[in-house]
PDB file of all heavy atoms in Angstrom:
ATOM      1  N   ILE A   1      91.550  94.006 101.890  1.00  0.00           N
ATOM      2  CA  ILE A   1      91.440  92.571 102.240  1.00  0.00           C
ATOM      3  C   ILE A   1      92.791  92.029 102.629  1.00  0.00           C
ATOM      4  O   ILE A   1      92.903  91.333 103.692  1.00  0.00           O
ATOM      5  CB  ILE A   1      90.898  91.802 101.042  1.00  0.00           C
ATOM      6  CG1 ILE A   1      89.391  92.078 100.819  1.00  0.00           C
ATOM      7  CG2 ILE A   1      91.119  90.281 101.232  1.00  0.00           C
ATOM      8  CD1 ILE A   1      88.825  91.478  99.577  1.00  0.00           C
ATOM      9  N   VAL A   2      93.842  92.306 101.897  1.00  0.00           N
ATOM     10  CA  VAL A   2      95.142  91.722 102.175  1.00  0.00           C
ATOM     11  C   VAL A   2      95.797  92.288 103.438  1.00  0.00           C
ATOM     12  O   VAL A   2      96.480  91.556 104.154  1.00  0.00           O
ATOM     13  CB  VAL A   2      96.106  91.827 100.951  1.00  0.00           C
ATOM     14  CG1 VAL A   2      95.533  91.135  99.718  1.00  0.00           C
ATOM     15  CG2 VAL A   2      96.500  93.242 100.673  1.00  0.00           C
ATOM     16  N   VAL A   3      95.517  93.554 103.740  1.00  0.00           N
ATOM     17  CA  VAL A   3      96.059  94.154 104.988  1.00  0.00           C
ATOM     18  C   VAL A   3      95.389  93.433 106.196  1.00  0.00           C
ATOM     19  O   VAL A   3      96.062  93.006 107.145  1.00  0.00           O
ATOM     20  CB  VAL A   3      95.816  95.621 105.048  1.00  0.00           C
ATOM     21  CG1 VAL A   3      96.133  96.172 106.448  1.00  0.00           C
ATOM     22  CG2 VAL A   3      96.664  96.357 104.012  1.00  0.00           C
ATOM     23  N   LEU A   4      94.066  93.281 106.150  1.00  0.00           N
ATOM     24  CA  LEU A   4      93.331  92.628 107.215  1.00  0.00           C
ATOM     25  C   LEU A   4      93.781  91.170 107.355  1.00  0.00           C
ATOM     26  O   LEU A   4      93.941  90.684 108.467  1.00  0.00           O
ATOM     27  CB  LEU A   4      91.834  92.752 107.015  1.00  0.00           C
ATOM     28  CG  LEU A   4      91.227  94.163 107.085  1.00  0.00           C
ATOM     29  CD1 LEU A   4      89.765  94.137 106.741  1.00  0.00           C
ATOM     30  CD2 LEU A   4      91.457  94.766 108.478  1.00  0.00           C
ATOM     31  N   ALA A   5      93.902  90.514 106.194  1.00  0.00           N
ATOM     32  CA  ALA A   5      94.379  89.102 106.223  1.00  0.00           C
ATOM     33  C   ALA A   5      95.769  88.984 106.743  1.00  0.00           C
ATOM     34  O   ALA A   5      96.083  88.023 107.449  1.00  0.00           O
ATOM     35  CB  ALA A   5      94.251  88.518 104.838  1.00  0.00           C
ATOM     36  N   GLY A   6      96.590  89.980 106.443  1.00  0.00           N
ATOM     37  CA  GLY A   6      97.996  89.949 106.948  1.00  0.00           C
ATOM     38  C   GLY A   6      98.012  90.120 108.475  1.00  0.00           C
ATOM     39  O   GLY A   6      98.809  89.480 109.161  1.00  0.00           O
ATOM     40  N   ILE A   7      97.102  90.900 108.982  1.00  0.00           N
ATOM     41  CA  ILE A   7      97.015  91.097 110.445  1.00  0.00           C
ATOM     42  C   ILE A   7      96.670  89.788 111.110  1.00  0.00           C
ATOM     43  O   ILE A   7      97.292  89.372 112.102  1.00  0.00           O
ATOM     44  CB  ILE A   7      95.975  92.177 110.815  1.00  0.00           C
ATOM     45  CG1 ILE A   7      96.438  93.582 110.337  1.00  0.00           C
ATOM     46  CG2 ILE A   7      95.724  92.197 112.330  1.00  0.00           C
ATOM     47  CD1 ILE A   7      95.392  94.671 110.489  1.00  0.00           C
ATOM     48  N   VAL A   8      95.700  89.088 110.523  1.00  0.00           N
ATOM     49  CA  VAL A   8      95.292  87.764 111.064  1.00  0.00           C
ATOM     50  C   VAL A   8      96.425  86.803 110.946  1.00  0.00           C
ATOM     51  O   VAL A   8      96.708  86.021 111.911  1.00  0.00           O
ATOM     52  CB  VAL A   8      94.058  87.246 110.316  1.00  0.00           C
ATOM     53  CG1 VAL A   8      93.718  85.828 110.777  1.00  0.00           C
ATOM     54  CG2 VAL A   8      92.844  88.168 110.549  1.00  0.00           C
ATOM     55  N   ARG A   9      97.161  86.819 109.861  1.00  0.00           N
ATOM     56  CA  ARG A   9      98.327  85.886 109.684  1.00  0.00           C
ATOM     57  C   ARG A   9      99.403  86.181 110.695  1.00  0.00           C
ATOM     58  O   ARG A   9      99.960  85.244 111.288  1.00  0.00           O
ATOM     59  CB  ARG A   9      98.841  86.054 108.252  1.00  0.00           C
ATOM     60  CG  ARG A   9     100.163  85.316 107.948  1.00  0.00           C
ATOM     61  CD  ARG A   9      99.944  83.838 107.855  1.00  0.00           C
ATOM     62  NE  ARG A   9     100.816  83.228 106.890  1.00  0.00           N
ATOM     63  CZ  ARG A   9     102.037  82.808 107.127  1.00  0.00           C
ATOM     64  NH1 ARG A   9     102.583  82.878 108.309  1.00  0.00           N
ATOM     65  NH2 ARG A   9     102.756  82.229 106.166  1.00  0.00           N
ATOM     66  N   GLY A  10      99.693  87.434 110.922  1.00  0.00           N
ATOM     67  CA  GLY A  10     100.741  87.754 111.866  1.00  0.00           C
ATOM     68  C   GLY A  10     100.365  87.405 113.286  1.00  0.00           C
ATOM     69  O   GLY A  10     101.222  86.989 114.075  1.00  0.00           O
ATOM     70  N   PHE A  11      99.069  87.461 113.590  1.00  0.00           N
ATOM     71  CA  PHE A  11      98.604  87.161 114.926  1.00  0.00           C
ATOM     72  C   PHE A  11      98.463  85.652 115.127  1.00  0.00           C
ATOM     73  O   PHE A  11      98.910  85.065 116.103  1.00  0.00           O
ATOM     74  CB  PHE A  11      97.211  87.832 115.152  1.00  0.00           C
ATOM     75  CG  PHE A  11      96.596  87.510 116.475  1.00  0.00           C
ATOM     76  CD1 PHE A  11      97.191  88.004 117.669  1.00  0.00           C
ATOM     77  CD2 PHE A  11      95.427  86.817 116.581  1.00  0.00           C
ATOM     78  CE1 PHE A  11      96.615  87.737 118.900  1.00  0.00           C
ATOM     79  CE2 PHE A  11      94.845  86.525 117.834  1.00  0.00           C
ATOM     80  CZ  PHE A  11      95.448  87.000 118.980  1.00  0.00           C
ATOM     81  N   SER A  12      97.847  84.941 114.138  1.00  0.00           N
ATOM     82  CA  SER A  12      97.531  83.545 114.368  1.00  0.00           C
ATOM     83  C   SER A  12      98.559  82.589 113.742  1.00  0.00           C
ATOM     84  O   SER A  12      98.659  81.441 114.177  1.00  0.00           O
ATOM     85  CB  SER A  12      96.173  83.222 113.757  1.00  0.00           C
ATOM     86  OG  SER A  12      96.229  83.316 112.314  1.00  0.00           O
ATOM     87  N   GLY A  13      99.299  83.043 112.737  1.00  0.00           N
ATOM     88  CA  GLY A  13     100.229  82.168 112.062  1.00  0.00           C
ATOM     89  C   GLY A  13      99.636  81.504 110.814  1.00  0.00           C
ATOM     90  O   GLY A  13     100.374  80.902 110.054  1.00  0.00           O
ATOM     91  N   PHE A  14      98.335  81.635 110.584  1.00  0.00           N
ATOM     92  CA  PHE A  14      97.723  81.070 109.397  1.00  0.00           C
ATOM     93  C   PHE A  14      96.513  81.946 109.017  1.00  0.00           C
ATOM     94  O   PHE A  14      96.307  82.992 109.553  1.00  0.00           O
ATOM     95  CB  PHE A  14      97.306  79.649 109.649  1.00  0.00           C
ATOM     96  CG  PHE A  14      96.186  79.432 110.576  1.00  0.00           C
ATOM     97  CD1 PHE A  14      94.881  79.142 110.105  1.00  0.00           C
ATOM     98  CD2 PHE A  14      96.333  79.529 111.946  1.00  0.00           C
ATOM     99  CE1 PHE A  14      93.804  78.957 110.999  1.00  0.00           C
ATOM    100  CE2 PHE A  14      95.280  79.357 112.836  1.00  0.00           C
ATOM    101  CZ  PHE A  14      94.021  79.090 112.343  1.00  0.00           C
ATOM    102  N   ALA A  15      95.768  81.431 108.013  1.00  0.00           N
ATOM    103  CA  ALA A  15      94.476  82.047 107.571  1.00  0.00           C
ATOM    104  C   ALA A  15      94.640  83.183 106.597  1.00  0.00           C
ATOM    105  O   ALA A  15      93.633  83.720 106.136  1.00  0.00           O
ATOM    106  CB  ALA A  15      93.624  82.539 108.809  1.00  0.00           C
ATOM    107  N   LEU A  16      95.841  83.567 106.193  1.00  0.00           N
ATOM    108  CA  LEU A  16      96.006  84.601 105.210  1.00  0.00           C
ATOM    109  C   LEU A  16      95.327  84.171 103.872  1.00  0.00           C
ATOM    110  O   LEU A  16      94.458  84.896 103.367  1.00  0.00           O
ATOM    111  CB  LEU A  16      97.495  84.885 104.945  1.00  0.00           C
ATOM    112  CG  LEU A  16      97.847  85.753 103.741  1.00  0.00           C
ATOM    113  CD1 LEU A  16      97.217  87.123 103.846  1.00  0.00           C
ATOM    114  CD2 LEU A  16      99.363  85.844 103.570  1.00  0.00           C
ATOM    115  N   SER A  17      95.754  83.074 103.359  1.00  0.00           N
ATOM    116  CA  SER A  17      95.168  82.615 102.074  1.00  0.00           C
ATOM    117  C   SER A  17      93.707  82.292 102.175  1.00  0.00           C
ATOM    118  O   SER A  17      92.959  82.599 101.259  1.00  0.00           O
ATOM    119  CB  SER A  17      95.950  81.323 101.594  1.00  0.00           C
ATOM    120  OG  SER A  17      97.287  81.675 101.265  1.00  0.00           O
ATOM    121  N   ALA A  18      93.303  81.697 103.316  1.00  0.00           N
ATOM    122  CA  ALA A  18      91.900  81.329 103.463  1.00  0.00           C
ATOM    123  C   ALA A  18      91.037  82.588 103.488  1.00  0.00           C
ATOM    124  O   ALA A  18      89.948  82.609 102.888  1.00  0.00           O
ATOM    125  CB  ALA A  18      91.704  80.509 104.736  1.00  0.00           C
ATOM    126  N   LEU A  19      91.480  83.639 104.189  1.00  0.00           N
ATOM    127  CA  LEU A  19      90.680  84.839 104.253  1.00  0.00           C
ATOM    128  C   LEU A  19      90.618  85.564 102.913  1.00  0.00           C
ATOM    129  O   LEU A  19      89.556  86.054 102.512  1.00  0.00           O
ATOM    130  CB  LEU A  19      91.308  85.825 105.303  1.00  0.00           C
ATOM    131  CG  LEU A  19      90.939  85.534 106.780  1.00  0.00           C
ATOM    132  CD1 LEU A  19      91.795  86.344 107.695  1.00  0.00           C
ATOM    133  CD2 LEU A  19      89.458  85.806 107.028  1.00  0.00           C
ATOM    134  N   VAL A  20      91.767  85.608 102.222  1.00  0.00           N
ATOM    135  CA  VAL A  20      91.771  86.273 100.884  1.00  0.00           C
ATOM    136  C   VAL A  20      90.905  85.458  99.927  1.00  0.00           C
ATOM    137  O   VAL A  20      90.133  85.993  99.174  1.00  0.00           O
ATOM    138  CB  VAL A  20      93.210  86.424 100.344  1.00  0.00           C
ATOM    139  CG1 VAL A  20      93.200  86.925  98.928  1.00  0.00           C
ATOM    140  CG2 VAL A  20      94.014  87.336 101.263  1.00  0.00           C
ATOM    141  N   MET A  21      91.025  84.092  99.939  1.00  0.00           N
ATOM    142  CA  MET A  21      90.247  83.270  99.074  1.00  0.00           C
ATOM    143  C   MET A  21      88.766  83.419  99.331  1.00  0.00           C
ATOM    144  O   MET A  21      87.918  83.385  98.430  1.00  0.00           O
ATOM    145  CB  MET A  21      90.669  81.792  99.198  1.00  0.00           C
ATOM    146  CG  MET A  21      90.111  80.875  98.184  1.00  0.00           C
ATOM    147  SD  MET A  21      90.711  81.158  96.497  1.00  0.00           S
ATOM    148  CE  MET A  21      92.311  80.428  96.543  1.00  0.00           C
ATOM    149  N   ALA A  22      88.397  83.554 100.618  1.00  0.00           N
ATOM    150  CA  ALA A  22      86.987  83.656 100.994  1.00  0.00           C
ATOM    151  C   ALA A  22      86.380  84.966 100.501  1.00  0.00           C
ATOM    152  O   ALA A  22      85.160  84.991 100.294  1.00  0.00           O
ATOM    153  CB  ALA A  22      86.816  83.543 102.511  1.00  0.00           C
ATOM    154  N   THR A  23      87.155  85.979 100.385  1.00  0.00           N
ATOM    155  CA  THR A  23      86.628  87.332 100.082  1.00  0.00           C
ATOM    156  C   THR A  23      86.967  87.776  98.666  1.00  0.00           C
ATOM    157  O   THR A  23      86.088  88.268  97.939  1.00  0.00           O
ATOM    158  CB  THR A  23      87.109  88.366 101.131  1.00  0.00           C
ATOM    159  OG1 THR A  23      88.532  88.260 101.223  1.00  0.00           O
ATOM    160  CG2 THR A  23      86.504  88.135 102.468  1.00  0.00           C
ATOM    161  N   ALA A  24      88.197  87.648  98.289  1.00  0.00           N
ATOM    162  CA  ALA A  24      88.673  88.110  96.984  1.00  0.00           C
ATOM    163  C   ALA A  24      88.147  87.295  95.847  1.00  0.00           C
ATOM    164  O   ALA A  24      88.283  87.663  94.665  1.00  0.00           O
ATOM    165  CB  ALA A  24      90.188  88.186  96.952  1.00  0.00           C
ATOM    166  N   VAL A  25      87.589  86.116  96.122  1.00  0.00           N
ATOM    167  CA  VAL A  25      87.068  85.254  95.106  1.00  0.00           C
ATOM    168  C   VAL A  25      85.918  85.897  94.339  1.00  0.00           C
ATOM    169  O   VAL A  25      85.560  85.470  93.241  1.00  0.00           O
ATOM    170  CB  VAL A  25      86.649  83.882  95.694  1.00  0.00           C
ATOM    171  CG1 VAL A  25      85.319  84.021  96.445  1.00  0.00           C
ATOM    172  CG2 VAL A  25      86.546  82.793  94.644  1.00  0.00           C
ATOM    173  N   ILE A  26      85.341  86.918  94.881  1.00  0.00           N
ATOM    174  CA  ILE A  26      84.252  87.639  94.151  1.00  0.00           C
ATOM    175  C   ILE A  26      84.836  88.574  93.138  1.00  0.00           C
ATOM    176  O   ILE A  26      84.111  89.059  92.292  1.00  0.00           O
ATOM    177  CB  ILE A  26      83.386  88.408  95.162  1.00  0.00           C
ATOM    178  CG1 ILE A  26      84.142  89.483  95.906  1.00  0.00           C
ATOM    179  CG2 ILE A  26      82.688  87.467  96.153  1.00  0.00           C
ATOM    180  CD1 ILE A  26      83.347  90.353  96.822  1.00  0.00           C
ATOM    181  N   ILE A  27      86.162  88.792  93.198  1.00  0.00           N
ATOM    182  CA  ILE A  27      86.803  89.622  92.238  1.00  0.00           C
ATOM    183  C   ILE A  27      87.638  88.806  91.222  1.00  0.00           C
ATOM    184  O   ILE A  27      87.637  89.043  89.985  1.00  0.00           O
ATOM    185  CB  ILE A  27      87.736  90.649  92.900  1.00  0.00           C
ATOM    186  CG1 ILE A  27      86.897  91.616  93.820  1.00  0.00           C
ATOM    187  CG2 ILE A  27      88.546  91.488  91.887  1.00  0.00           C
ATOM    188  CD1 ILE A  27      87.753  92.548  94.614  1.00  0.00           C
ATOM    189  N   LEU A  28      88.392  87.852  91.738  1.00  0.00           N
ATOM    190  CA  LEU A  28      89.245  86.988  90.910  1.00  0.00           C
ATOM    191  C   LEU A  28      88.910  85.538  91.162  1.00  0.00           C
ATOM    192  O   LEU A  28      88.625  85.170  92.323  1.00  0.00           O
ATOM    193  CB  LEU A  28      90.714  87.264  91.214  1.00  0.00           C
ATOM    194  CG  LEU A  28      91.244  88.643  90.884  1.00  0.00           C
ATOM    195  CD1 LEU A  28      92.654  88.804  91.443  1.00  0.00           C
ATOM    196  CD2 LEU A  28      91.326  88.882  89.351  1.00  0.00           C
ATOM    197  N   PRO A  29      88.995  84.656  90.152  1.00  0.00           N
ATOM    198  CA  PRO A  29      88.759  83.245  90.381  1.00  0.00           C
ATOM    199  C   PRO A  29      89.884  82.603  91.164  1.00  0.00           C
ATOM    200  O   PRO A  29      91.057  83.146  91.171  1.00  0.00           O
ATOM    201  CB  PRO A  29      88.649  82.672  88.951  1.00  0.00           C
ATOM    202  CG  PRO A  29      89.480  83.650  88.158  1.00  0.00           C
ATOM    203  CD  PRO A  29      89.246  84.991  88.714  1.00  0.00           C
TER     204      PRO A  29
END
């Protein structure tokens, strides 16, 4: 998840936290 989110962050400049929060929330609150 974090590698893919990092790719999006590097490309777009944002969305790292949003992507991780949208997916990793099923593992951690």
